[in-house]
Each structure stands twice: as C-alpha cells, then as structure tokens.
Amino acid sequence: MISNQVKKFYYIYVLKSQKDKKLYVGYTNDLKSRFEQHCKGQVSSTKERRPFELIYSEACLDKHDAMHREKYLKTAYGKQFLRSRLKSYLIG
C-alpha cells in the first residue's frame, strides 16, 4: 500500500574546509539550512574552519539510518570509502 504522507529524509553531508582542506561529516534533516549554519559560523565545531564547500551528500530514510551512516563515515573504512568516492574531486 502506498502512503499519502511525504517522507522527510535525513541527509549525511561532507564539507571541505577551504581553510585547512580537512573534511567534516555530519547529518541533518535540512541540508540547506545546516550548510548555511556552518557557513555563518553558527556551529561551534566548525566555526574556526570556514569557509566550506559542500562536496558530498546522501539521503537516508530516517534519523537512525543517518546517524549510523555518519558514524560509519567517520571510521577508517568510512574515510577510505569517501576518499575512493571523491577521488577525482579531492585530487583535482
């Protein structure tokens, strides 16, 4: 059966600091707003690393999946996945 409800996605995102060239991984249910918060220095963990570029995102069906995926992408295997996935971008 198809539901008439619109499903709200959660997003995993990767930012690249243009200041120190390091990556930041996070999750949110409003990607545009969260990116703007990072850019305006409203996120304490990233405010000293501005400006940022949004270089990758994935949609997840719910918050639990997004949290799990974020945790994975912060592991050694997850970082390896991101390097492989973003290889041409990170090199060029």
PDB file of N, CA and C in Angstrom:
ATOM      1  N   MET A   1       0.838  -1.175   0.000  1.00  0.00           N
ATOM      2  CA  MET A   1       0.000   0.000   0.000  1.00  0.00           C
ATOM      3  C   MET A   1       0.889   1.246   0.000  1.00  0.00           C
ATOM      4  N   ILE A   2       0.532   2.226  -0.785  1.00  0.00           N
ATOM      5  CA  ILE A   2       1.294   3.464  -0.889  1.00  0.00           C
ATOM      6  C   ILE A   2       0.717   4.490   0.075  1.00  0.00           C
ATOM      7  N   SER A   3       1.582   5.094   0.853  1.00  0.00           N
ATOM      8  CA  SER A   3       1.171   6.099   1.825  1.00  0.00           C
ATOM      9  C   SER A   3       1.044   7.462   1.152  1.00  0.00           C
ATOM     10  N   ASN A   4       0.084   8.254   1.615  1.00  0.00           N
ATOM     11  CA  ASN A   4      -0.088   9.612   1.112  1.00  0.00           C
ATOM     12  C   ASN A   4       0.836  10.605   1.815  1.00  0.00           C
ATOM     13  N   GLN A   5       1.522  10.146   2.860  1.00  0.00           N
ATOM     14  CA  GLN A   5       2.411  11.030   3.599  1.00  0.00           C
ATOM     15  C   GLN A   5       3.719  11.228   2.844  1.00  0.00           C
ATOM     16  N   VAL A   6       4.209  12.441   2.901  1.00  0.00           N
ATOM     17  CA  VAL A   6       5.506  12.746   2.307  1.00  0.00           C
ATOM     18  C   VAL A   6       6.568  12.424   3.351  1.00  0.00           C
ATOM     19  N   LYS A   7       7.487  11.576   2.979  1.00  0.00           N
ATOM     20  CA  LYS A   7       8.546  11.157   3.889  1.00  0.00           C
ATOM     21  C   LYS A   7       9.617  12.236   3.962  1.00  0.00           C
ATOM     22  N   LYS A   8      10.012  12.598   5.165  1.00  0.00           N
ATOM     23  CA  LYS A   8      11.083  13.573   5.345  1.00  0.00           C
ATOM     24  C   LYS A   8      12.400  12.815   5.467  1.00  0.00           C
ATOM     25  N   PHE A   9      13.314  13.142   4.598  1.00  0.00           N
ATOM     26  CA  PHE A   9      14.612  12.478   4.596  1.00  0.00           C
ATOM     27  C   PHE A   9      15.570  13.136   5.580  1.00  0.00           C
ATOM     28  N   TYR A  10      16.559  12.367   5.967  1.00  0.00           N
ATOM     29  CA  TYR A  10      17.725  12.881   6.678  1.00  0.00           C
ATOM     30  C   TYR A  10      18.896  12.777   5.720  1.00  0.00           C
ATOM     31  N   TYR A  11      19.865  13.635   5.902  1.00  0.00           N
ATOM     32  CA  TYR A  11      20.994  13.694   4.976  1.00  0.00           C
ATOM     33  C   TYR A  11      22.315  13.595   5.720  1.00  0.00           C
ATOM     34  N   ILE A  12      23.219  12.817   5.147  1.00  0.00           N
ATOM     35  CA  ILE A  12      24.607  12.806   5.575  1.00  0.00           C
ATOM     36  C   ILE A  12      25.312  13.746   4.616  1.00  0.00           C
ATOM     37  N   TYR A  13      26.191  14.569   5.138  1.00  0.00           N
ATOM     38  CA  TYR A  13      26.873  15.510   4.262  1.00  0.00           C
ATOM     39  C   TYR A  13      28.354  15.577   4.617  1.00  0.00           C
ATOM     40  N   VAL A  14      29.138  15.963   3.625  1.00  0.00           N
ATOM     41  CA  VAL A  14      30.576  16.140   3.818  1.00  0.00           C
ATOM     42  C   VAL A  14      30.936  17.549   3.362  1.00  0.00           C
ATOM     43  N   LEU A  15      31.563  18.277   4.255  1.00  0.00           N
ATOM     44  CA  LEU A  15      32.055  19.615   3.950  1.00  0.00           C
ATOM     45  C   LEU A  15      33.567  19.559   3.826  1.00  0.00           C
ATOM     46  N   LYS A  16      34.100  20.363   2.941  1.00  0.00           N
ATOM     47  CA  LYS A  16      35.551  20.516   2.851  1.00  0.00           C
ATOM     48  C   LYS A  16      35.889  21.941   3.256  1.00  0.00           C
ATOM     49  N   SER A  17      36.747  22.059   4.259  1.00  0.00           N
ATOM     50  CA  SER A  17      37.191  23.374   4.698  1.00  0.00           C
ATOM     51  C   SER A  17      38.166  23.934   3.677  1.00  0.00           C
ATOM     52  N   GLN A  18      37.890  25.119   3.206  1.00  0.00           N
ATOM     53  CA  GLN A  18      38.814  25.774   2.279  1.00  0.00           C
ATOM     54  C   GLN A  18      39.992  26.377   3.030  1.00  0.00           C
ATOM     55  N   LYS A  19      39.886  26.430   4.352  1.00  0.00           N
ATOM     56  CA  LYS A  19      40.957  26.971   5.181  1.00  0.00           C
ATOM     57  C   LYS A  19      42.028  25.915   5.456  1.00  0.00           C
ATOM     58  N   ASP A  20      41.606  24.728   5.953  1.00  0.00           N
ATOM     59  CA  ASP A  20      42.589  23.698   6.310  1.00  0.00           C
ATOM     60  C   ASP A  20      42.511  22.449   5.429  1.00  0.00           C
ATOM     61  N   LYS A  21      41.594  22.460   4.456  1.00  0.00           N
ATOM     62  CA  LYS A  21      41.431  21.373   3.472  1.00  0.00           C
ATOM     63  C   LYS A  21      40.939  20.065   4.089  1.00  0.00           C
ATOM     64  N   LYS A  22      40.540  20.074   5.355  1.00  0.00           N
ATOM     65  CA  LYS A  22      40.041  18.866   6.012  1.00  0.00           C
ATOM     66  C   LYS A  22      38.548  18.713   5.760  1.00  0.00           C
ATOM     67  N   LEU A  23      38.085  17.460   5.933  1.00  0.00           N
ATOM     68  CA  LEU A  23      36.679  17.151   5.722  1.00  0.00           C
ATOM     69  C   LEU A  23      35.935  17.115   7.047  1.00  0.00           C
ATOM     70  N   TYR A  24      34.660  17.457   6.992  1.00  0.00           N
ATOM     71  CA  TYR A  24      33.767  17.371   8.140  1.00  0.00           C
ATOM     72  C   TYR A  24      32.542  16.578   7.707  1.00  0.00           C
ATOM     73  N   VAL A  25      32.150  15.589   8.513  1.00  0.00           N
ATOM     74  CA  VAL A  25      30.986  14.751   8.215  1.00  0.00           C
ATOM     75  C   VAL A  25      29.913  15.022   9.260  1.00  0.00           C
ATOM     76  N   GLY A  26      28.679  15.214   8.803  1.00  0.00           N
ATOM     77  CA  GLY A  26      27.571  15.432   9.713  1.00  0.00           C
ATOM     78  C   GLY A  26      26.278  14.905   9.119  1.00  0.00           C
ATOM     79  N   TYR A  27      25.180  15.027   9.884  1.00  0.00           N
ATOM     80  CA  TYR A  27      23.862  14.650   9.367  1.00  0.00           C
ATOM     81  C   TYR A  27      22.840  15.688   9.805  1.00  0.00           C
ATOM     82  N   THR A  28      21.754  15.772   9.053  1.00  0.00           N
ATOM     83  CA  THR A  28      20.711  16.756   9.321  1.00  0.00           C
ATOM     84  C   THR A  28      19.429  16.363   8.591  1.00  0.00           C
ATOM     85  N   ASN A  29      18.323  16.990   8.965  1.00  0.00           N
ATOM     86  CA  ASN A  29      17.080  16.788   8.214  1.00  0.00           C
ATOM     87  C   ASN A  29      16.785  17.990   7.310  1.00  0.00           C
ATOM     88  N   ASP A  30      17.661  18.997   7.344  1.00  0.00           N
ATOM     89  CA  ASP A  30      17.506  20.181   6.491  1.00  0.00           C
ATOM     90  C   ASP A  30      18.892  20.595   5.995  1.00  0.00           C
ATOM     91  N   LEU A  31      19.294  20.040   4.889  1.00  0.00           N
ATOM     92  CA  LEU A  31      20.659  20.205   4.389  1.00  0.00           C
ATOM     93  C   LEU A  31      20.994  21.664   4.083  1.00  0.00           C
ATOM     94  N   LYS A  32      20.091  22.356   3.431  1.00  0.00           N
ATOM     95  CA  LYS A  32      20.350  23.754   3.064  1.00  0.00           C
ATOM     96  C   LYS A  32      20.563  24.620   4.305  1.00  0.00           C
ATOM     97  N   SER A  33      19.679  24.492   5.269  1.00  0.00           N
ATOM     98  CA  SER A  33      19.772  25.284   6.491  1.00  0.00           C
ATOM     99  C   SER A  33      21.040  24.948   7.279  1.00  0.00           C
ATOM    100  N   ARG A  34      21.353  23.663   7.373  1.00  0.00           N
ATOM    101  CA  ARG A  34      22.538  23.249   8.132  1.00  0.00           C
ATOM    102  C   ARG A  34      23.816  23.767   7.471  1.00  0.00           C
ATOM    103  N   PHE A  35      23.876  23.708   6.143  1.00  0.00           N
ATOM    104  CA  PHE A  35      25.047  24.227   5.436  1.00  0.00           C
ATOM    105  C   PHE A  35      25.197  25.727   5.694  1.00  0.00           C
ATOM    106  N   GLU A  36      24.089  26.454   5.672  1.00  0.00           N
ATOM    107  CA  GLU A  36      24.125  27.889   5.951  1.00  0.00           C
ATOM    108  C   GLU A  36      24.629  28.165   7.369  1.00  0.00           C
ATOM    109  N   GLN A  37      24.222  27.329   8.328  1.00  0.00           N
ATOM    110  CA  GLN A  37      24.704  27.484   9.706  1.00  0.00           C
ATOM    111  C   GLN A  37      26.218  27.321   9.771  1.00  0.00           C
ATOM    112  N   HIS A  38      26.733  26.312   9.074  1.00  0.00           N
ATOM    113  CA  HIS A  38      28.185  26.115   9.039  1.00  0.00           C
ATOM    114  C   HIS A  38      28.868  27.333   8.417  1.00  0.00           C
ATOM    115  N   CYS A  39      28.334  27.820   7.328  1.00  0.00           N
ATOM    116  CA  CYS A  39      28.945  28.949   6.611  1.00  0.00           C
ATOM    117  C   CYS A  39      28.930  30.240   7.422  1.00  0.00           C
ATOM    118  N   LYS A  40      27.918  30.405   8.262  1.00  0.00           N
ATOM    119  CA  LYS A  40      27.795  31.621   9.072  1.00  0.00           C
ATOM    120  C   LYS A  40      28.543  31.527  10.400  1.00  0.00           C
ATOM    121  N   GLY A  41      29.178  30.381  10.670  1.00  0.00           N
ATOM    122  CA  GLY A  41      29.917  30.215  11.919  1.00  0.00           C
ATOM    123  C   GLY A  41      29.039  29.914  13.112  1.00  0.00           C
ATOM    124  N   GLN A  42      27.847  29.378  12.882  1.00  0.00           N
ATOM    125  CA  GLN A  42      26.907  29.090  13.961  1.00  0.00           C
ATOM    126  C   GLN A  42      27.051  27.679  14.520  1.00  0.00           C
ATOM    127  N   VAL A  43      28.026  26.922  14.032  1.00  0.00           N
ATOM    128  CA  VAL A  43      28.283  25.566  14.522  1.00  0.00           C
ATOM    129  C   VAL A  43      29.646  25.598  15.207  1.00  0.00           C
ATOM    130  N   SER A  44      29.649  25.372  16.518  1.00  0.00           N
ATOM    131  CA  SER A  44      30.880  25.566  17.293  1.00  0.00           C
ATOM    132  C   SER A  44      32.033  24.685  16.823  1.00  0.00           C
ATOM    133  N   SER A  45      31.740  23.472  16.382  1.00  0.00           N
ATOM    134  CA  SER A  45      32.815  22.553  15.991  1.00  0.00           C
ATOM    135  C   SER A  45      33.473  22.921  14.665  1.00  0.00           C
ATOM    136  N   THR A  46      32.854  23.804  13.889  1.00  0.00           N
ATOM    137  CA  THR A  46      33.423  24.143  12.577  1.00  0.00           C
ATOM    138  C   THR A  46      33.645  25.637  12.357  1.00  0.00           C
ATOM    139  N   LYS A  47      33.246  26.469  13.285  1.00  0.00           N
ATOM    140  CA  LYS A  47      33.275  27.913  13.010  1.00  0.00           C
ATOM    141  C   LYS A  47      34.669  28.453  12.724  1.00  0.00           C
ATOM    142  N   GLU A  48      35.712  27.841  13.264  1.00  0.00           N
ATOM    143  CA  GLU A  48      37.081  28.316  13.030  1.00  0.00           C
ATOM    144  C   GLU A  48      37.677  27.786  11.729  1.00  0.00           C
ATOM    145  N   ARG A  49      36.935  26.932  11.025  1.00  0.00           N
ATOM    146  CA  ARG A  49      37.464  26.298   9.814  1.00  0.00           C
ATOM    147  C   ARG A  49      36.809  26.818   8.542  1.00  0.00           C
ATOM    148  N   ARG A  50      36.021  27.868   8.637  1.00  0.00           N
ATOM    149  CA  ARG A  50      35.346  28.438   7.475  1.00  0.00           C
ATOM    150  C   ARG A  50      36.336  29.084   6.529  1.00  0.00           C
ATOM    151  N   PRO A  51      35.971  29.219   5.263  1.00  0.00           N
ATOM    152  CA  PRO A  51      34.727  28.836   4.580  1.00  0.00           C
ATOM    153  C   PRO A  51      34.716  27.356   4.198  1.00  0.00           C
ATOM    154  N   PHE A  52      33.507  26.879   3.858  1.00  0.00           N
ATOM    155  CA  PHE A  52      33.289  25.484   3.500  1.00  0.00           C
ATOM    156  C   PHE A  52      32.707  25.342   2.110  1.00  0.00           C
ATOM    157  N   GLU A  53      32.912  24.155   1.594  1.00  0.00           N
ATOM    158  CA  GLU A  53      32.291  23.745   0.343  1.00  0.00           C
ATOM    159  C   GLU A  53      31.576  22.428   0.627  1.00  0.00           C
ATOM    160  N   LEU A  54      30.319  22.318   0.229  1.00  0.00           N
ATOM    161  CA  LEU A  54      29.586  21.060   0.351  1.00  0.00           C
ATOM    162  C   LEU A  54      30.014  20.177  -0.811  1.00  0.00           C
ATOM    163  N   ILE A  55      30.670  19.055  -0.504  1.00  0.00           N
ATOM    164  CA  ILE A  55      31.230  18.239  -1.578  1.00  0.00           C
ATOM    165  C   ILE A  55      30.537  16.893  -1.750  1.00  0.00           C
ATOM    166  N   TYR A  56      29.666  16.503  -0.797  1.00  0.00           N
ATOM    167  CA  TYR A  56      29.024  15.190  -0.911  1.00  0.00           C
ATOM    168  C   TYR A  56      27.823  15.150   0.017  1.00  0.00           C
ATOM    169  N   SER A  57      26.776  14.449  -0.413  1.00  0.00           N
ATOM    170  CA  SER A  57      25.636  14.201   0.467  1.00  0.00           C
ATOM    171  C   SER A  57      24.945  12.912   0.052  1.00  0.00           C
ATOM    172  N   GLU A  58      24.279  12.302   1.018  1.00  0.00           N
ATOM    173  CA  GLU A  58      23.465  11.107   0.796  1.00  0.00           C
ATOM    174  C   GLU A  58      22.152  11.304   1.537  1.00  0.00           C
ATOM    175  N   ALA A  59      21.068  10.791   0.984  1.00  0.00           N
ATOM    176  CA  ALA A  59      19.772  10.825   1.660  1.00  0.00           C
ATOM    177  C   ALA A  59      19.544   9.503   2.380  1.00  0.00           C
ATOM    178  N   CYS A  60      18.984   9.583   3.592  1.00  0.00           N
ATOM    179  CA  CYS A  60      18.634   8.401   4.380  1.00  0.00           C
ATOM    180  C   CYS A  60      17.146   8.463   4.703  1.00  0.00           C
ATOM    181  N   LEU A  61      16.557   7.306   4.914  1.00  0.00           N
ATOM    182  CA  LEU A  61      15.117   7.244   5.147  1.00  0.00           C
ATOM    183  C   LEU A  61      14.695   7.730   6.527  1.00  0.00           C
ATOM    184  N   ASP A  62      15.587   7.627   7.515  1.00  0.00           N
ATOM    185  CA  ASP A  62      15.225   8.097   8.847  1.00  0.00           C
ATOM    186  C   ASP A  62      16.467   8.511   9.631  1.00  0.00           C
ATOM    187  N   LYS A  63      16.234   9.095  10.789  1.00  0.00           N
ATOM    188  CA  LYS A  63      17.322   9.627  11.610  1.00  0.00           C
ATOM    189  C   LYS A  63      18.286   8.529  12.043  1.00  0.00           C
ATOM    190  N   HIS A  64      17.757   7.385  12.427  1.00  0.00           N
ATOM    191  CA  HIS A  64      18.610   6.281  12.877  1.00  0.00           C
ATOM    192  C   HIS A  64      19.591   5.867  11.789  1.00  0.00           C
ATOM    193  N   ASP A  65      19.104   5.722  10.567  1.00  0.00           N
ATOM    194  CA  ASP A  65      19.984   5.357   9.452  1.00  0.00           C
ATOM    195  C   ASP A  65      21.044   6.436   9.211  1.00  0.00           C
ATOM    196  N   ALA A  66      20.643   7.688   9.307  1.00  0.00           N
ATOM    197  CA  ALA A  66      21.586   8.786   9.088  1.00  0.00           C
ATOM    198  C   ALA A  66      22.670   8.797  10.162  1.00  0.00           C
ATOM    199  N   MET A  67      22.279   8.588  11.409  1.00  0.00           N
ATOM    200  CA  MET A  67      23.251   8.561  12.499  1.00  0.00           C
ATOM    201  C   MET A  67      24.232   7.402  12.317  1.00  0.00           C
ATOM    202  N   HIS A  68      23.703   6.259  11.921  1.00  0.00           N
ATOM    203  CA  HIS A  68      24.542   5.079  11.706  1.00  0.00           C
ATOM    204  C   HIS A  68      25.520   5.317  10.554  1.00  0.00           C
ATOM    205  N   ARG A  69      25.034   5.903   9.476  1.00  0.00           N
ATOM    206  CA  ARG A  69      25.888   6.168   8.312  1.00  0.00           C
ATOM    207  C   ARG A  69      26.957   7.209   8.647  1.00  0.00           C
ATOM    208  N   GLU A  70      26.587   8.252   9.378  1.00  0.00           N
ATOM    209  CA  GLU A  70      27.564   9.261   9.794  1.00  0.00           C
ATOM    210  C   GLU A  70      28.667   8.612  10.628  1.00  0.00           C
ATOM    211  N   LYS A  71      28.269   7.778  11.571  1.00  0.00           N
ATOM    212  CA  LYS A  71      29.252   7.099  12.425  1.00  0.00           C
ATOM    213  C   LYS A  71      30.200   6.255  11.580  1.00  0.00           C
ATOM    214  N   TYR A  72      29.652   5.537  10.593  1.00  0.00           N
ATOM    215  CA  TYR A  72      30.482   4.720   9.711  1.00  0.00           C
ATOM    216  C   TYR A  72      31.467   5.584   8.923  1.00  0.00           C
ATOM    217  N   LEU A  73      30.997   6.685   8.364  1.00  0.00           N
ATOM    218  CA  LEU A  73      31.861   7.530   7.531  1.00  0.00           C
ATOM    219  C   LEU A  73      32.994   8.182   8.327  1.00  0.00           C
ATOM    220  N   LYS A  74      32.886   8.167   9.648  1.00  0.00           N
ATOM    221  CA  LYS A  74      33.949   8.705  10.493  1.00  0.00           C
ATOM    222  C   LYS A  74      34.965   7.639  10.897  1.00  0.00           C
ATOM    223  N   THR A  75      34.714   6.375  10.521  1.00  0.00           N
ATOM    224  CA  THR A  75      35.663   5.298  10.800  1.00  0.00           C
ATOM    225  C   THR A  75      36.730   5.265   9.710  1.00  0.00           C
ATOM    226  N   ALA A  76      37.761   4.452   9.933  1.00  0.00           N
ATOM    227  CA  ALA A  76      38.818   4.306   8.918  1.00  0.00           C
ATOM    228  C   ALA A  76      38.239   3.775   7.609  1.00  0.00           C
ATOM    229  N   TYR A  77      37.336   2.785   7.694  1.00  0.00           N
ATOM    230  CA  TYR A  77      36.726   2.234   6.477  1.00  0.00           C
ATOM    231  C   TYR A  77      35.847   3.272   5.785  1.00  0.00           C
ATOM    232  N   GLY A  78      35.123   4.046   6.570  1.00  0.00           N
ATOM    233  CA  GLY A  78      34.277   5.090   6.004  1.00  0.00           C
ATOM    234  C   GLY A  78      35.083   6.183   5.329  1.00  0.00           C
ATOM    235  N   LYS A  79      36.189   6.561   5.944  1.00  0.00           N
ATOM    236  CA  LYS A  79      37.063   7.573   5.340  1.00  0.00           C
ATOM    237  C   LYS A  79      37.660   7.052   4.039  1.00  0.00           C
ATOM    238  N   GLN A  80      37.989   5.764   4.027  1.00  0.00           N
ATOM    239  CA  GLN A  80      38.511   5.142   2.804  1.00  0.00           C
ATOM    240  C   GLN A  80      37.444   5.168   1.708  1.00  0.00           C
ATOM    241  N   PHE A  81      36.193   4.865   2.073  1.00  0.00           N
ATOM    242  CA  PHE A  81      35.086   4.924   1.118  1.00  0.00           C
ATOM    243  C   PHE A  81      34.960   6.331   0.530  1.00  0.00           C
ATOM    244  N   LEU A  82      34.993   7.346   1.396  1.00  0.00           N
ATOM    245  CA  LEU A  82      34.864   8.728   0.921  1.00  0.00           C
ATOM    246  C   LEU A  82      36.013   9.119   0.001  1.00  0.00           C
ATOM    247  N   ARG A  83      37.231   8.738   0.369  1.00  0.00           N
ATOM    248  CA  ARG A  83      38.377   9.049  -0.495  1.00  0.00           C
ATOM    249  C   ARG A  83      38.207   8.407  -1.862  1.00  0.00           C
ATOM    250  N   SER A  84      37.722   7.159  -1.880  1.00  0.00           N
ATOM    251  CA  SER A  84      37.502   6.460  -3.145  1.00  0.00           C
ATOM    252  C   SER A  84      36.381   7.126  -3.944  1.00  0.00           C
ATOM    253  N   ARG A  85      35.301   7.435  -3.273  1.00  0.00           N
ATOM    254  CA  ARG A  85      34.126   8.029  -3.916  1.00  0.00           C
ATOM    255  C   ARG A  85      34.427   9.430  -4.470  1.00  0.00           C
ATOM    256  N   LEU A  86      35.248  10.169  -3.751  1.00  0.00           N
ATOM    257  CA  LEU A  86      35.534  11.559  -4.107  1.00  0.00           C
ATOM    258  C   LEU A  86      36.925  11.733  -4.702  1.00  0.00           C
ATOM    259  N   LYS A  87      37.517  10.643  -5.133  1.00  0.00           N
ATOM    260  CA  LYS A  87      38.908  10.647  -5.589  1.00  0.00           C
ATOM    261  C   LYS A  87      39.196  11.733  -6.625  1.00  0.00           C
ATOM    262  N   SER A  88      38.420  11.785  -7.674  1.00  0.00           N
ATOM    263  CA  SER A  88      38.698  12.760  -8.736  1.00  0.00           C
ATOM    264  C   SER A  88      38.531  14.192  -8.235  1.00  0.00           C
ATOM    265  N   TYR A  89      37.588  14.415  -7.336  1.00  0.00           N
ATOM    266  CA  TYR A  89      37.390  15.761  -6.789  1.00  0.00           C
ATOM    267  C   TYR A  89      38.550  16.154  -5.878  1.00  0.00           C
ATOM    268  N   LEU A  90      38.933  15.252  -4.975  1.00  0.00           N
ATOM    269  CA  LEU A  90      39.964  15.573  -3.995  1.00  0.00           C
ATOM    270  C   LEU A  90      41.339  15.737  -4.628  1.00  0.00           C
ATOM    271  N   ILE A  91      41.594  15.022  -5.719  1.00  0.00           N
ATOM    272  CA  ILE A  91      42.887  15.119  -6.394  1.00  0.00           C
ATOM    273  C   ILE A  91      42.948  16.371  -7.264  1.00  0.00           C
ATOM    274  N   GLY A  92      41.862  16.613  -7.996  1.00  0.00           N
ATOM    275  CA  GLY A  92      41.846  17.731  -8.946  1.00  0.00           C
ATOM    276  C   GLY A  92      41.591  18.983  -8.271  1.00  0.00           C
TER     277      GLY A  92
END
